[in-house]
C-alpha atoms as a PDB file:
ATOM      1  CA  MET A   1     -12.682  13.274  49.133  1.00  0.00           C
ATOM      2  CA  GLN A   2     -12.616  14.033  45.415  1.00  0.00           C
ATOM      3  CA  ARG A   3     -10.665  17.163  44.406  1.00  0.00           C
ATOM      4  CA  THR A   4     -11.208  18.895  41.083  1.00  0.00           C
ATOM      5  CA  GLU A   5      -9.068  21.828  39.981  1.00  0.00           C
ATOM      6  CA  THR A   6     -10.282  24.619  37.710  1.00  0.00           C
ATOM      7  CA  PRO A   7      -7.803  27.325  36.694  1.00  0.00           C
ATOM      8  CA  THR A   8      -8.998  30.930  36.553  1.00  0.00           C
ATOM      9  CA  LYS A   9      -7.745  34.135  34.910  1.00  0.00           C
ATOM     10  CA  ASP A  10      -6.106  35.208  38.185  1.00  0.00           C
ATOM     11  CA  SER A  11      -3.850  32.163  38.108  1.00  0.00           C
ATOM     12  CA  LYS A  12      -1.963  33.364  35.010  1.00  0.00           C
ATOM     13  CA  LEU A  13       1.657  34.267  35.593  1.00  0.00           C
ATOM     14  CA  ASN A  14       3.106  37.711  34.907  1.00  0.00           C
ATOM     15  CA  THR A  15       5.147  36.709  31.876  1.00  0.00           C
ATOM     16  CA  LYS A  16       6.414  40.233  31.210  1.00  0.00           C
ATOM     17  CA  ASN A  17       7.957  40.616  34.641  1.00  0.00           C
ATOM     18  CA  PRO A  18       8.201  37.292  36.496  1.00  0.00           C
ATOM     19  CA  ALA A  19       9.744  39.000  39.532  1.00  0.00           C
ATOM     20  CA  LYS A  20       6.460  40.836  40.166  1.00  0.00           C
ATOM     21  CA  THR A  21       4.454  37.627  40.062  1.00  0.00           C
ATOM     22  CA  ASN A  22       2.646  37.152  43.356  1.00  0.00           C
ATOM     23  CA  VAL A  23       2.901  33.788  45.087  1.00  0.00           C
ATOM     24  CA  ALA A  24      -0.861  33.725  45.170  1.00  0.00           C
ATOM     25  CA  ASP A  25      -0.863  33.685  41.384  1.00  0.00           C
ATOM     26  CA  TYR A  26       0.465  30.131  41.459  1.00  0.00           C
ATOM     27  CA  ARG A  27      -2.473  28.904  43.454  1.00  0.00           C
ATOM     28  CA  THR A  28      -5.241  27.169  41.616  1.00  0.00           C
ATOM     29  CA  PRO A  29      -8.736  27.415  43.103  1.00  0.00           C
ATOM     30  CA  THR A  30     -10.108  23.986  43.863  1.00  0.00           C
ATOM     31  CA  SER A  31     -13.546  22.636  44.523  1.00  0.00           C
ATOM     32  CA  VAL A  32     -13.796  19.732  46.945  1.00  0.00           C
ATOM     33  CA  ARG A  33     -16.688  17.339  46.756  1.00  0.00           C
ATOM     34  CA  GLU A  34     -17.426  14.820  49.479  1.00  0.00           C
ATOM     35  CA  SER A  35     -17.617  11.240  48.295  1.00  0.00           C
ATOM     36  CA  SER A  36     -20.794   9.371  49.050  1.00  0.00           C
ATOM     37  CA  ASN A  37     -20.858   7.303  52.215  1.00  0.00           C
ATOM     38  CA  THR A  38     -23.030   4.678  50.582  1.00  0.00           C
ATOM     39  CA  VAL A  39     -21.414   1.461  49.418  1.00  0.00           C
ATOM     40  CA  SER A  40     -22.430   0.193  45.995  1.00  0.00           C
ATOM     41  CA  LEU A  41     -21.130  -2.485  43.683  1.00  0.00           C
ATOM     42  CA  ASN A  42     -20.896  -0.057  40.742  1.00  0.00           C
ATOM     43  CA  LEU A  43     -20.773  -2.732  38.068  1.00  0.00           C
ATOM     44  CA  LYS A  44     -20.736  -0.073  35.349  1.00  0.00           C
ATOM     45  CA  GLU A  45     -17.406   1.236  36.611  1.00  0.00           C
ATOM     46  CA  LEU A  46     -15.980  -2.280  36.809  1.00  0.00           C
ATOM     47  CA  TRP A  47     -17.055  -2.917  33.230  1.00  0.00           C
ATOM     48  CA  THR A  48     -15.436   0.343  32.122  1.00  0.00           C
ATOM     49  CA  PHE A  49     -12.107  -1.037  33.353  1.00  0.00           C
ATOM     50  CA  HIS A  50     -12.641  -4.617  32.119  1.00  0.00           C
ATOM     51  CA  GLU A  51      -9.646  -4.329  29.790  1.00  0.00           C
ATOM     52  CA  LEU A  52      -7.456  -3.519  32.772  1.00  0.00           C
ATOM     53  CA  LEU A  53      -8.804  -6.620  34.526  1.00  0.00           C
ATOM     54  CA  TYR A  54      -7.916  -8.720  31.483  1.00  0.00           C
ATOM     55  CA  PHE A  55      -4.438  -7.191  31.345  1.00  0.00           C
ATOM     56  CA  LEU A  56      -3.745  -7.844  35.047  1.00  0.00           C
ATOM     57  CA  VAL A  57      -4.956 -11.441  34.811  1.00  0.00           C
ATOM     58  CA  TRP A  58      -2.791 -12.067  31.739  1.00  0.00           C
ATOM     59  CA  ARG A  59       0.190 -10.387  33.427  1.00  0.00           C
ATOM     60  CA  ASP A  60      -0.159 -12.589  36.527  1.00  0.00           C
ATOM     61  CA  ILE A  61      -0.363 -15.714  34.360  1.00  0.00           C
ATOM     62  CA  LYS A  62       2.789 -14.827  32.417  1.00  0.00           C
ATOM     63  CA  VAL A  63       4.796 -13.740  35.463  1.00  0.00           C
ATOM     64  CA  ARG A  64       3.816 -16.738  37.594  1.00  0.00           C
ATOM     65  CA  TYR A  65       6.244 -19.163  35.961  1.00  0.00           C
ATOM     66  CA  LYS A  66       8.578 -16.750  34.216  1.00  0.00           C
ATOM     67  CA  GLN A  67      12.239 -17.859  34.321  1.00  0.00           C
ATOM     68  CA  THR A  68      11.334 -21.247  35.839  1.00  0.00           C
ATOM     69  CA  ALA A  69      12.831 -24.467  34.544  1.00  0.00           C
ATOM     70  CA  LEU A  70       9.581 -26.462  34.734  1.00  0.00           C
ATOM     71  CA  GLY A  71       7.144 -23.700  33.820  1.00  0.00           C
ATOM     72  CA  VAL A  72       3.470 -24.656  33.934  1.00  0.00           C
ATOM     73  CA  ALA A  73       4.458 -28.153  35.091  1.00  0.00           C
ATOM     74  CA  TRP A  74       4.378 -26.694  38.620  1.00  0.00           C
ATOM     75  CA  ALA A  75       0.587 -26.493  38.288  1.00  0.00           C
ATOM     76  CA  ILE A  76       0.601 -30.303  38.134  1.00  0.00           C
ATOM     77  CA  LEU A  77       3.524 -31.129  40.421  1.00  0.00           C
ATOM     78  CA  GLN A  78       2.221 -29.272  43.476  1.00  0.00           C
ATOM     79  CA  PRO A  79      -1.096 -31.143  43.881  1.00  0.00           C
ATOM     80  CA  PHE A  80       0.337 -34.390  42.500  1.00  0.00           C
ATOM     81  CA  MET A  81       3.248 -34.604  44.957  1.00  0.00           C
ATOM     82  CA  THR A  82       0.953 -33.613  47.819  1.00  0.00           C
ATOM     83  CA  MET A  83      -1.396 -36.409  46.740  1.00  0.00           C
ATOM     84  CA  VAL A  84       1.492 -38.915  46.827  1.00  0.00           C
ATOM     85  CA  VAL A  85       2.441 -37.862  50.373  1.00  0.00           C
ATOM     86  CA  PHE A  86      -1.179 -38.080  51.578  1.00  0.00           C
ATOM     87  CA  THR A  87      -1.630 -41.497  49.943  1.00  0.00           C
ATOM     88  CA  ILE A  88       1.447 -42.920  51.685  1.00  0.00           C
ATOM     89  CA  PHE A  89       1.055 -41.436  55.158  1.00  0.00           C
ATOM     90  CA  PHE A  90      -2.695 -41.004  55.600  1.00  0.00           C
ATOM     91  CA  GLY A  91      -3.850 -43.838  53.344  1.00  0.00           C
ATOM     92  CA  LYS A  92      -1.265 -46.620  53.687  1.00  0.00           C
ATOM     93  CA  LEU A  93       0.111 -45.928  57.160  1.00  0.00           C
ATOM     94  CA  ALA A  94      -2.693 -44.184  59.085  1.00  0.00           C
ATOM     95  CA  LYS A  95      -5.400 -46.239  57.308  1.00  0.00           C
ATOM     96  CA  ILE A  96      -7.823 -43.314  57.168  1.00  0.00           C
ATOM     97  CA  PRO A  97     -10.919 -44.407  55.180  1.00  0.00           C
ATOM     98  CA  THR A  98     -11.640 -42.866  51.787  1.00  0.00           C
ATOM     99  CA  ASP A  99     -15.300 -43.904  51.355  1.00  0.00           C
ATOM    100  CA  GLY A 100     -14.387 -46.749  49.002  1.00  0.00           C
ATOM    101  CA  VAL A 101     -12.627 -44.447  46.549  1.00  0.00           C
ATOM    102  CA  PRO A 102      -8.998 -45.180  45.523  1.00  0.00           C
ATOM    103  CA  GLY A 103      -6.739 -43.044  47.700  1.00  0.00           C
ATOM    104  CA  PRO A 104      -5.046 -41.097  44.871  1.00  0.00           C
ATOM    105  CA  ILE A 105      -8.412 -40.127  43.372  1.00  0.00           C
ATOM    106  CA  PHE A 106      -9.858 -39.257  46.786  1.00  0.00           C
ATOM    107  CA  TYR A 107      -6.998 -36.919  47.691  1.00  0.00           C
ATOM    108  CA  PHE A 108      -6.369 -35.419  44.263  1.00  0.00           C
ATOM    109  CA  SER A 109     -10.032 -34.560  43.672  1.00  0.00           C
ATOM    110  CA  ALA A 110      -9.994 -32.553  46.921  1.00  0.00           C
ATOM    111  CA  LEU A 111      -6.592 -30.971  46.357  1.00  0.00           C
ATOM    112  CA  LEU A 112      -7.668 -29.373  43.070  1.00  0.00           C
ATOM    113  CA  PRO A 113     -10.279 -27.005  44.549  1.00  0.00           C
ATOM    114  CA  TRP A 114      -8.070 -26.526  47.591  1.00  0.00           C
ATOM    115  CA  GLN A 115      -5.068 -25.442  45.503  1.00  0.00           C
ATOM    116  CA  LEU A 116      -7.320 -23.098  43.540  1.00  0.00           C
ATOM    117  CA  PHE A 117      -8.509 -21.553  46.802  1.00  0.00           C
ATOM    118  CA  ALA A 118      -5.143 -21.455  48.621  1.00  0.00           C
ATOM    119  CA  ASN A 119      -3.174 -19.947  45.735  1.00  0.00           C
ATOM    120  CA  ALA A 120      -5.857 -17.347  45.060  1.00  0.00           C
ATOM    121  CA  LEU A 121      -6.048 -16.496  48.768  1.00  0.00           C
ATOM    122  CA  THR A 122      -2.286 -15.982  49.070  1.00  0.00           C
ATOM    123  CA  ASN A 123      -1.856 -14.005  45.853  1.00  0.00           C
ATOM    124  CA  SER A 124      -4.964 -11.862  46.303  1.00  0.00           C
ATOM    125  CA  SER A 125      -4.241 -11.044  49.938  1.00  0.00           C
ATOM    126  CA  ASN A 126      -0.838  -9.621  48.963  1.00  0.00           C
ATOM    127  CA  SER A 127      -2.005  -8.083  45.682  1.00  0.00           C
ATOM    128  CA  LEU A 128      -2.667  -4.542  46.910  1.00  0.00           C
ATOM    129  CA  VAL A 129       0.766  -4.271  48.496  1.00  0.00           C
ATOM    130  CA  THR A 130       2.601  -5.739  45.509  1.00  0.00           C
ATOM    131  CA  ASN A 131       0.744  -3.342  43.178  1.00  0.00           C
ATOM    132  CA  SER A 132       1.343  -0.281  45.366  1.00  0.00           C
ATOM    133  CA  THR A 133       3.019   1.638  42.526  1.00  0.00           C
ATOM    134  CA  LEU A 134      -0.030   1.236  40.321  1.00  0.00           C
ATOM    135  CA  ILE A 135      -2.423   2.212  43.105  1.00  0.00           C
ATOM    136  CA  THR A 136      -0.604   5.437  43.959  1.00  0.00           C
ATOM    137  CA  LYS A 137      -0.316   6.684  40.372  1.00  0.00           C
ATOM    138  CA  VAL A 138      -3.655   6.154  38.671  1.00  0.00           C
ATOM    139  CA  TYR A 139      -7.288   5.735  39.649  1.00  0.00           C
ATOM    140  CA  PHE A 140      -9.250   2.597  38.856  1.00  0.00           C
ATOM    141  CA  PRO A 141     -11.596   0.386  40.914  1.00  0.00           C
ATOM    142  CA  ARG A 142      -9.282  -1.206  43.496  1.00  0.00           C
ATOM    143  CA  LEU A 143     -11.480  -4.291  43.517  1.00  0.00           C
ATOM    144  CA  ILE A 144      -9.930  -5.226  40.166  1.00  0.00           C
ATOM    145  CA  ILE A 145      -6.580  -6.082  41.790  1.00  0.00           C
ATOM    146  CA  PRO A 146      -7.670  -8.898  44.177  1.00  0.00           C
ATOM    147  CA  LEU A 147     -10.179 -10.069  41.572  1.00  0.00           C
ATOM    148  CA  SER A 148      -7.480 -10.437  38.908  1.00  0.00           C
ATOM    149  CA  SER A 149      -5.216 -12.391  41.274  1.00  0.00           C
ATOM    150  CA  THR A 150      -8.106 -14.721  42.080  1.00  0.00           C
ATOM    151  CA  LEU A 151      -8.979 -15.401  38.433  1.00  0.00           C
ATOM    152  CA  ALA A 152      -5.354 -15.966  37.371  1.00  0.00           C
ATOM    153  CA  GLY A 153      -5.173 -19.200  39.360  1.00  0.00           C
ATOM    154  CA  PHE A 154      -7.976 -20.746  37.310  1.00  0.00           C
ATOM    155  CA  VAL A 155      -5.507 -21.585  34.530  1.00  0.00           C
ATOM    156  CA  ASP A 156      -3.467 -23.771  36.900  1.00  0.00           C
ATOM    157  CA  PHE A 157      -6.667 -25.495  37.982  1.00  0.00           C
ATOM    158  CA  CYS A 158      -7.606 -26.351  34.393  1.00  0.00           C
ATOM    159  CA  ILE A 159      -4.162 -27.825  33.705  1.00  0.00           C
ATOM    160  CA  ALA A 160      -4.233 -29.984  36.844  1.00  0.00           C
ATOM    161  CA  PHE A 161      -7.817 -31.051  36.118  1.00  0.00           C
ATOM    162  CA  LEU A 162      -6.595 -32.814  32.981  1.00  0.00           C
ATOM    163  CA  VAL A 163      -4.445 -35.008  35.240  1.00  0.00           C
ATOM    164  CA  LEU A 164      -7.509 -35.908  37.316  1.00  0.00           C
ATOM    165  CA  ILE A 165      -9.329 -36.991  34.166  1.00  0.00           C
ATOM    166  CA  GLY A 166      -6.383 -39.201  33.232  1.00  0.00           C
ATOM    167  CA  MET A 167      -6.311 -40.744  36.718  1.00  0.00           C
ATOM    168  CA  MET A 168     -10.036 -41.483  36.596  1.00  0.00           C
ATOM    169  CA  LEU A 169      -9.585 -43.235  33.236  1.00  0.00           C
ATOM    170  CA  TYR A 170      -6.733 -45.284  34.720  1.00  0.00           C
ATOM    171  CA  TYR A 171      -8.854 -46.433  37.678  1.00  0.00           C
ATOM    172  CA  GLY A 172     -11.932 -46.942  35.514  1.00  0.00           C
ATOM    173  CA  ILE A 173     -14.044 -44.390  37.398  1.00  0.00           C
ATOM    174  CA  VAL A 174     -16.995 -42.931  35.501  1.00  0.00           C
ATOM    175  CA  PRO A 175     -18.280 -39.517  36.640  1.00  0.00           C
ATOM    176  CA  THR A 176     -21.807 -39.385  38.012  1.00  0.00           C
ATOM    177  CA  PRO A 177     -24.581 -37.403  36.283  1.00  0.00           C
ATOM    178  CA  ALA A 178     -24.021 -34.733  38.935  1.00  0.00           C
ATOM    179  CA  VAL A 179     -20.837 -33.772  37.065  1.00  0.00           C
ATOM    180  CA  ILE A 180     -22.920 -31.211  35.161  1.00  0.00           C
ATOM    181  CA  LEU A 181     -22.964 -29.213  38.423  1.00  0.00           C
ATOM    182  CA  LEU A 182     -19.177 -29.199  38.633  1.00  0.00           C
ATOM    183  CA  PRO A 183     -18.838 -25.651  37.203  1.00  0.00           C
ATOM    184  CA  LEU A 184     -20.991 -24.387  40.079  1.00  0.00           C
ATOM    185  CA  PHE A 185     -18.606 -25.849  42.658  1.00  0.00           C
ATOM    186  CA  ILE A 186     -15.603 -24.436  40.806  1.00  0.00           C
ATOM    187  CA  LEU A 187     -17.307 -21.034  40.894  1.00  0.00           C
ATOM    188  CA  PHE A 188     -18.029 -21.649  44.580  1.00  0.00           C
ATOM    189  CA  ALA A 189     -14.303 -22.156  45.231  1.00  0.00           C
ATOM    190  CA  ILE A 190     -13.419 -18.937  43.373  1.00  0.00           C
ATOM    191  CA  VAL A 191     -16.071 -16.921  45.210  1.00  0.00           C
ATOM    192  CA  THR A 192     -14.914 -18.355  48.550  1.00  0.00           C
ATOM    193  CA  SER A 193     -11.331 -17.282  47.888  1.00  0.00           C
ATOM    194  CA  LEU A 194     -12.498 -13.841  46.752  1.00  0.00           C
ATOM    195  CA  ALA A 195     -14.660 -13.408  49.862  1.00  0.00           C
ATOM    196  CA  ALA A 196     -11.723 -14.155  52.162  1.00  0.00           C
ATOM    197  CA  SER A 197      -9.291 -12.135  50.022  1.00  0.00           C
ATOM    198  CA  LEU A 198     -11.383  -8.964  50.213  1.00  0.00           C
ATOM    199  CA  TRP A 199     -10.960  -8.963  53.976  1.00  0.00           C
ATOM    200  CA  LEU A 200      -7.295  -9.988  54.041  1.00  0.00           C
ATOM    201  CA  SER A 201      -6.102  -7.772  51.174  1.00  0.00           C
ATOM    202  CA  ALA A 202      -7.668  -4.679  52.732  1.00  0.00           C
ATOM    203  CA  LEU A 203      -6.308  -5.572  56.174  1.00  0.00           C
ATOM    204  CA  ASN A 204      -2.867  -6.265  54.711  1.00  0.00           C
ATOM    205  CA  VAL A 205      -2.572  -2.666  53.527  1.00  0.00           C
ATOM    206  CA  LYS A 206      -2.853  -1.396  57.099  1.00  0.00           C
ATOM    207  CA  TYR A 207      -1.494  -4.358  59.048  1.00  0.00           C
ATOM    208  CA  ARG A 208       1.446  -6.111  57.379  1.00  0.00           C
ATOM    209  CA  ASP A 209       1.122  -8.927  59.918  1.00  0.00           C
ATOM    210  CA  VAL A 210      -1.360 -10.477  57.495  1.00  0.00           C
ATOM    211  CA  ARG A 211       1.357 -11.713  55.134  1.00  0.00           C
ATOM    212  CA  PHE A 212       3.063 -13.515  58.033  1.00  0.00           C
ATOM    213  CA  THR A 213      -0.243 -14.991  59.185  1.00  0.00           C
ATOM    214  CA  LEU A 214      -1.240 -16.353  55.768  1.00  0.00           C
ATOM    215  CA  PRO A 215       1.059 -19.436  55.668  1.00  0.00           C
ATOM    216  CA  PHE A 216      -0.050 -20.435  59.154  1.00  0.00           C
ATOM    217  CA  LEU A 217      -3.699 -19.771  58.320  1.00  0.00           C
ATOM    218  CA  THR A 218      -3.685 -21.860  55.137  1.00  0.00           C
ATOM    219  CA  GLN A 219      -1.893 -24.723  56.882  1.00  0.00           C
ATOM    220  CA  ILE A 220      -4.475 -24.885  59.663  1.00  0.00           C
ATOM    221  CA  TRP A 221      -7.305 -24.423  57.167  1.00  0.00           C
ATOM    222  CA  LEU A 222      -6.011 -27.392  55.161  1.00  0.00           C
ATOM    223  CA  PHE A 223      -6.380 -29.841  58.037  1.00  0.00           C
ATOM    224  CA  ILE A 224      -9.807 -28.650  59.158  1.00  0.00           C
ATOM    225  CA  THR A 225     -11.046 -29.218  55.597  1.00  0.00           C
ATOM    226  CA  PRO A 226     -12.054 -32.793  54.589  1.00  0.00           C
ATOM    227  CA  ILE A 227      -9.152 -33.396  52.231  1.00  0.00           C
ATOM    228  CA  VAL A 228      -7.262 -36.247  53.931  1.00  0.00           C
ATOM    229  CA  TYR A 229     -10.439 -37.637  55.485  1.00  0.00           C
ATOM    230  CA  PRO A 230     -14.119 -37.807  54.480  1.00  0.00           C
ATOM    231  CA  SER A 231     -16.718 -35.655  56.214  1.00  0.00           C
ATOM    232  CA  SER A 232     -18.523 -38.883  57.086  1.00  0.00           C
ATOM    233  CA  LEU A 233     -16.086 -39.224  60.001  1.00  0.00           C
ATOM    234  CA  VAL A 234     -17.757 -36.186  61.567  1.00  0.00           C
ATOM    235  CA  PRO A 235     -20.851 -37.205  63.609  1.00  0.00           C
ATOM    236  CA  GLU A 236     -23.963 -36.476  61.600  1.00  0.00           C
ATOM    237  CA  LYS A 237     -25.537 -34.264  64.269  1.00  0.00           C
ATOM    238  CA  TRP A 238     -22.484 -31.979  64.138  1.00  0.00           C
ATOM    239  CA  ARG A 239     -21.965 -32.082  60.398  1.00  0.00           C
ATOM    240  CA  PHE A 240     -23.920 -28.915  59.677  1.00  0.00           C
ATOM    241  CA  LEU A 241     -21.599 -27.041  62.060  1.00  0.00           C
ATOM    242  CA  TYR A 242     -18.687 -28.374  60.046  1.00  0.00           C
ATOM    243  CA  GLY A 243     -20.104 -26.312  57.195  1.00  0.00           C
ATOM    244  CA  LEU A 244     -18.991 -23.173  59.052  1.00  0.00           C
ATOM    245  CA  ASN A 245     -15.746 -23.898  57.249  1.00  0.00           C
ATOM    246  CA  PRO A 246     -16.788 -22.860  53.716  1.00  0.00           C
ATOM    247  CA  MET A 247     -14.058 -24.967  52.120  1.00  0.00           C
ATOM    248  CA  ALA A 248     -15.689 -28.059  53.595  1.00  0.00           C
ATOM    249  CA  GLY A 249     -18.684 -27.375  51.379  1.00  0.00           C
ATOM    250  CA  VAL A 250     -16.446 -26.678  48.364  1.00  0.00           C
ATOM    251  CA  VAL A 251     -14.466 -29.915  48.706  1.00  0.00           C
ATOM    252  CA  GLU A 252     -17.448 -32.117  49.519  1.00  0.00           C
ATOM    253  CA  GLY A 253     -19.446 -30.633  46.656  1.00  0.00           C
ATOM    254  CA  PHE A 254     -16.544 -31.143  44.252  1.00  0.00           C
ATOM    255  CA  ARG A 255     -16.170 -34.802  45.290  1.00  0.00           C
ATOM    256  CA  TRP A 256     -19.904 -35.365  45.089  1.00  0.00           C
ATOM    257  CA  ALA A 257     -20.121 -33.932  41.573  1.00  0.00           C
ATOM    258  CA  ILE A 258     -17.309 -36.166  40.302  1.00  0.00           C
ATOM    259  CA  LEU A 259     -17.475 -39.303  42.427  1.00  0.00           C
ATOM    260  CA  GLY A 260     -20.898 -39.242  44.096  1.00  0.00           C
ATOM    261  CA  LYS A 261     -19.244 -40.295  47.367  1.00  0.00           C
ATOM    262  CA  SER A 262     -20.227 -37.522  49.761  1.00  0.00           C
ATOM    263  CA  SER A 263     -23.351 -35.924  51.170  1.00  0.00           C
ATOM    264  CA  GLY A 264     -23.446 -33.436  48.320  1.00  0.00           C
ATOM    265  CA  VAL A 265     -26.068 -30.743  48.693  1.00  0.00           C
ATOM    266  CA  GLY A 266     -26.987 -31.260  52.329  1.00  0.00           C
ATOM    267  CA  PRO A 267     -26.924 -29.314  55.598  1.00  0.00           C
ATOM    268  CA  LEU A 268     -23.142 -28.932  55.385  1.00  0.00           C
ATOM    269  CA  MET A 269     -23.357 -27.389  51.930  1.00  0.00           C
ATOM    270  CA  ILE A 270     -26.217 -25.074  52.848  1.00  0.00           C
ATOM    271  CA  VAL A 271     -24.302 -23.713  55.851  1.00  0.00           C
ATOM    272  CA  SER A 272     -21.158 -23.235  53.735  1.00  0.00           C
ATOM    273  CA  VAL A 273     -23.062 -21.287  51.080  1.00  0.00           C
ATOM    274  CA  LEU A 274     -24.609 -19.000  53.695  1.00  0.00           C
ATOM    275  CA  ILE A 275     -21.202 -18.394  55.299  1.00  0.00           C
ATOM    276  CA  VAL A 276     -19.600 -17.512  51.943  1.00  0.00           C
ATOM    277  CA  ILE A 277     -22.412 -15.098  51.069  1.00  0.00           C
ATOM    278  CA  SER A 278     -22.007 -13.393  54.447  1.00  0.00           C
ATOM    279  CA  MET A 279     -18.227 -13.211  54.047  1.00  0.00           C
ATOM    280  CA  LEU A 280     -18.530 -11.823  50.522  1.00  0.00           C
ATOM    281  CA  ILE A 281     -21.020  -9.097  51.435  1.00  0.00           C
ATOM    282  CA  GLY A 282     -19.126  -8.112  54.580  1.00  0.00           C
ATOM    283  CA  GLY A 283     -15.772  -8.201  52.791  1.00  0.00           C
ATOM    284  CA  PHE A 284     -17.085  -6.077  49.935  1.00  0.00           C
ATOM    285  CA  ILE A 285     -18.475  -3.435  52.321  1.00  0.00           C
ATOM    286  CA  TYR A 286     -15.235  -3.311  54.320  1.00  0.00           C
ATOM    287  CA  PHE A 287     -13.111  -3.160  51.154  1.00  0.00           C
ATOM    288  CA  ARG A 288     -15.118  -0.315  49.604  1.00  0.00           C
ATOM    289  CA  ARG A 289     -15.080   1.710  52.808  1.00  0.00           C
ATOM    290  CA  THR A 290     -11.313   1.430  53.235  1.00  0.00           C
ATOM    291  CA  GLU A 291     -10.136   1.589  49.615  1.00  0.00           C
ATOM    292  CA  LYS A 292     -10.025   5.415  49.634  1.00  0.00           C
ATOM    293  CA  THR A 293      -7.102   5.192  52.105  1.00  0.00           C
ATOM    294  CA  PHE A 294      -5.078   2.590  50.175  1.00  0.00           C
ATOM    295  CA  ALA A 295      -3.046   5.110  48.176  1.00  0.00           C
ATOM    296  CA  ASP A 296      -2.112   7.005  51.345  1.00  0.00           C
ATOM    297  CA  ILE A 297      -0.812   4.129  53.442  1.00  0.00           C
ATOM    298  CA  VAL A 298       0.178   1.408  51.001  1.00  0.00           C
END
């Protein structure tokens, strides 16, 4: 419902004798217009508030490591230390194959898109609740909030990617020509996190159980994604079903673009792309239909 107020002559107060002012004189006639039930992207409105999007992204980047001793070094330490643990336990002890790729490169190249996705998913899913004060005081497209949280994590990805380049130089690994498609897989990871975040951020406003579910969800999602093992371990006849996990397509595409050691654009990738498109469209429709209630219940 959109409410617009238009004062009239009858709404003026009796300034000469306030005691004789009728209570009805304080009332302001209002006209109420029903909002459209159709769901549209409304890119023009998003562009109108593009400066707000820039401000929120920049704010999230500055606040992320504010008053930390190591600062942006955390963007490197998190995937690097995880890579060390995976190399020792899954590579050296469990002897899980890595398709002929050195273990550190195999794990780190998968952890980069995963960290981009996981951090964006966590921050975006909680973004509407953490920005409740802003939502209840001023109008702007609510889609900007989860979108800004998703884009803010890209800076961490770029910093950690420099470490991957250094590791590849150390091991003497030359990227394949498919590396020119790498930006597409990075965009795929961002879109995947946004698609999931639209659902979870909207649900989190109404059901605060979401924030307790997120750590468990990301932990399970990590191990059903081919990060510590190659997708080649999955029987080929079932591999396209493995693509129902969209992050499987993200990770395998990322490895293929850099190392050329996975199936690349195959049935798994096609299924993952279709799943992400479905999630994004469905999440957008659900988000737009529920956003008018955010200010009331957040």
